[in-house]
Amino acid sequence: MKITEVRVRLVQNKDDRLKAFCSMTVDHEFVIRDIKVIEGLGGYFVAMPSRKMSDHCEKCGCKNHLRAKYCNNCGHPLQEDRAKQDPKGKVKLHADIAHPINLECRKRIQREVVAAFKEEVEKSKLPGYRPLDMDMDDDDVPDIIR
């Protein structure tokens, strides 16, 4: 796998640990969006895209995230301890949508995404800086996909 492009959109809230959202292209063929650059105690790290875990209301069957106390549809009270715990006892509230399978791949993604983030931070200091548009225009979509 070769990371062929990383696009970075800096987050403006300077007090927050979340510093940027990124998209990463693999082998000029596959894009992973919503990769986050987060400032931790040991420096920057990459968080892969994830979704909130959910379950269904016992009464109406509506889908609700695991922290919800009441059903979004019928208002029925939901049980408190619906979230599963990992072997260490930590509650699992999010599931990765895409993630590396091994440590070498994780390190490569981390290294390249953080380097692109730092490069974008330097560009943002220049006069006339314009943030990168993360969304593709129709003109950018290859004909084979249309």
Protein backbone atom coordinates (compact mmCIF):
# COMPACT_ATOMS: atom_id res chain seq x y z
CA MET A 1 0.00 0.00 0.00
CA LYS A 2 1.31 3.42 -0.94
CA ILE A 3 -0.14 6.63 0.46
CA THR A 4 -0.29 8.82 -2.64
CA GLU A 5 -1.96 11.95 -1.22
CA VAL A 6 -2.93 13.47 2.11
CA ARG A 7 -5.24 16.49 2.24
CA VAL A 8 -5.45 18.49 5.46
CA ARG A 9 -8.13 20.89 6.70
CA LEU A 10 -6.99 22.69 9.85
CA VAL A 11 -9.48 23.18 12.70
CA GLN A 12 -9.74 26.78 13.87
CA ASN A 13 -10.50 26.20 17.58
CA LYS A 14 -7.05 26.62 19.15
CA ASP A 15 -8.18 25.47 22.63
CA ASP A 16 -9.33 22.06 21.40
CA ARG A 17 -7.11 18.98 21.09
CA LEU A 18 -8.53 18.25 17.63
CA LYS A 19 -6.19 20.04 15.20
CA ALA A 20 -7.23 18.86 11.72
CA PHE A 21 -9.37 16.60 9.57
CA CYS A 22 -7.58 14.76 6.76
CA SER A 23 -8.34 12.61 3.78
CA MET A 24 -5.79 10.05 2.60
CA THR A 25 -5.58 8.54 -0.88
CA VAL A 26 -4.09 5.07 -1.22
CA ASP A 27 -2.49 3.92 -4.48
CA HIS A 28 -4.25 6.73 -6.42
CA GLU A 29 -7.41 4.59 -6.10
CA PHE A 30 -8.98 4.64 -2.64
CA VAL A 31 -9.78 7.55 -0.31
CA ILE A 32 -10.27 7.45 3.46
CA ARG A 33 -11.90 10.63 4.81
CA ASP A 34 -12.34 12.06 8.29
CA ILE A 35 -8.97 11.01 9.68
CA LYS A 36 -8.31 13.26 12.68
CA VAL A 37 -5.05 14.79 13.89
CA ILE A 38 -5.21 15.17 17.67
CA GLU A 39 -2.72 16.79 20.01
CA GLY A 40 -1.93 14.40 22.85
CA LEU A 41 0.48 14.55 25.77
CA GLY A 42 3.24 12.93 23.67
CA GLY A 43 2.63 15.01 20.53
CA TYR A 44 0.32 14.64 17.58
CA PHE A 45 -1.41 11.37 16.78
CA VAL A 46 -3.86 10.14 14.17
CA ALA A 47 -7.38 8.88 14.94
CA MET A 48 -9.08 6.88 12.21
CA PRO A 49 -12.67 7.61 11.13
CA SER A 50 -15.26 6.12 13.46
CA ARG A 51 -18.97 6.03 14.14
CA LYS A 52 -20.94 6.15 17.37
CA MET A 53 -22.09 2.74 18.53
CA SER A 54 -25.84 2.39 18.86
CA ASP A 55 -28.61 -0.01 19.80
CA HIS A 56 -32.39 -0.15 19.43
CA CYS A 57 -35.19 0.93 21.76
CA GLU A 58 -36.99 -2.00 23.41
CA LYS A 59 -40.35 -0.27 22.91
CA CYS A 60 -40.31 1.13 19.36
CA GLY A 61 -37.12 -0.27 17.79
CA CYS A 62 -35.65 3.16 16.96
CA LYS A 63 -31.84 3.41 16.78
CA ASN A 64 -30.16 5.39 19.61
CA HIS A 65 -26.52 6.09 20.47
CA LEU A 66 -25.29 4.31 23.59
CA ARG A 67 -25.09 7.43 25.78
CA ALA A 68 -28.73 8.34 25.12
CA LYS A 69 -30.92 8.19 28.23
CA TYR A 70 -34.22 8.36 26.31
CA CYS A 71 -35.29 7.06 22.91
CA ASN A 72 -35.01 9.67 20.14
CA ASN A 73 -38.30 8.49 18.67
CA CYS A 74 -40.72 7.59 21.49
CA GLY A 75 -39.03 9.08 24.59
CA HIS A 76 -38.97 5.72 26.40
CA PRO A 77 -36.25 5.58 29.11
CA LEU A 78 -33.28 3.46 28.00
CA GLN A 79 -31.19 1.20 30.25
CA GLU A 80 -28.02 2.83 31.60
CA ASP A 81 -25.39 0.13 31.00
CA ARG A 82 -26.07 -0.81 27.37
CA ALA A 83 -22.49 -0.27 26.13
CA LYS A 84 -20.14 -3.24 25.99
CA GLN A 85 -16.80 -3.10 27.77
CA ASP A 86 -13.42 -4.17 26.46
CA PRO A 87 -11.24 -6.63 28.45
CA LYS A 88 -9.78 -3.68 30.41
CA GLY A 89 -13.25 -2.54 31.48
CA LYS A 90 -13.32 0.53 29.21
CA VAL A 91 -16.72 1.27 27.67
CA LYS A 92 -16.70 1.08 23.88
CA LEU A 93 -18.76 3.99 22.48
CA HIS A 94 -17.20 4.25 18.99
CA ALA A 95 -16.19 1.74 16.30
CA ASP A 96 -13.58 2.41 13.63
CA ILE A 97 -14.90 2.58 10.09
CA ALA A 98 -11.44 2.05 8.60
CA HIS A 99 -8.22 1.18 10.39
CA PRO A 100 -4.78 -0.35 9.82
CA ILE A 101 -4.41 -4.04 10.56
CA ASN A 102 -0.80 -3.98 11.78
CA LEU A 103 1.59 -1.69 13.64
CA GLU A 104 3.80 -1.00 10.61
CA CYS A 105 0.83 0.31 8.62
CA ARG A 106 -0.34 2.43 11.57
CA LYS A 107 3.12 3.97 11.92
CA ARG A 108 3.30 4.75 8.19
CA ILE A 109 -0.12 6.43 8.24
CA GLN A 110 0.76 8.34 11.42
CA ARG A 111 4.09 9.54 9.99
CA GLU A 112 2.69 10.69 6.63
CA VAL A 113 -0.51 12.30 7.96
CA VAL A 114 1.30 14.17 10.76
CA ALA A 115 3.97 15.36 8.28
CA ALA A 116 1.24 16.66 5.93
CA PHE A 117 -0.46 18.35 8.91
CA LYS A 118 2.75 20.12 9.95
CA GLU A 119 3.34 21.22 6.35
CA GLU A 120 -0.19 22.66 6.20
CA VAL A 121 0.35 24.50 9.50
CA GLU A 122 3.46 26.15 7.99
CA LYS A 123 1.55 27.08 4.81
CA SER A 124 -1.21 28.61 6.96
CA LYS A 125 1.29 31.13 8.34
CA LEU A 126 1.98 32.58 4.87
CA PRO A 127 0.08 35.65 3.63
CA GLY A 128 -2.80 34.82 1.32
CA TYR A 129 -3.20 31.28 2.67
CA ARG A 130 -6.43 29.61 1.59
CA PRO A 131 -7.55 26.39 3.29
CA LEU A 132 -7.77 23.34 1.05
CA ASP A 133 -11.27 22.34 -0.07
CA MET A 134 -11.68 18.73 1.02
CA ASP A 135 -14.69 18.03 -1.21
CA MET A 136 -14.19 16.96 -4.79
CA ASP A 137 -15.84 18.87 -7.61
CA ASP A 138 -17.51 16.86 -10.37
CA ASP A 139 -14.61 17.87 -12.64
CA ASP A 140 -12.20 16.04 -10.32
CA VAL A 141 -14.05 12.71 -10.42
CA PRO A 142 -12.52 10.35 -12.99
CA ASP A 143 -14.78 9.41 -15.95
CA ILE A 144 -14.64 5.72 -15.01
CA ILE A 145 -16.59 6.45 -11.79
CA ARG A 146 -19.37 8.48 -13.43
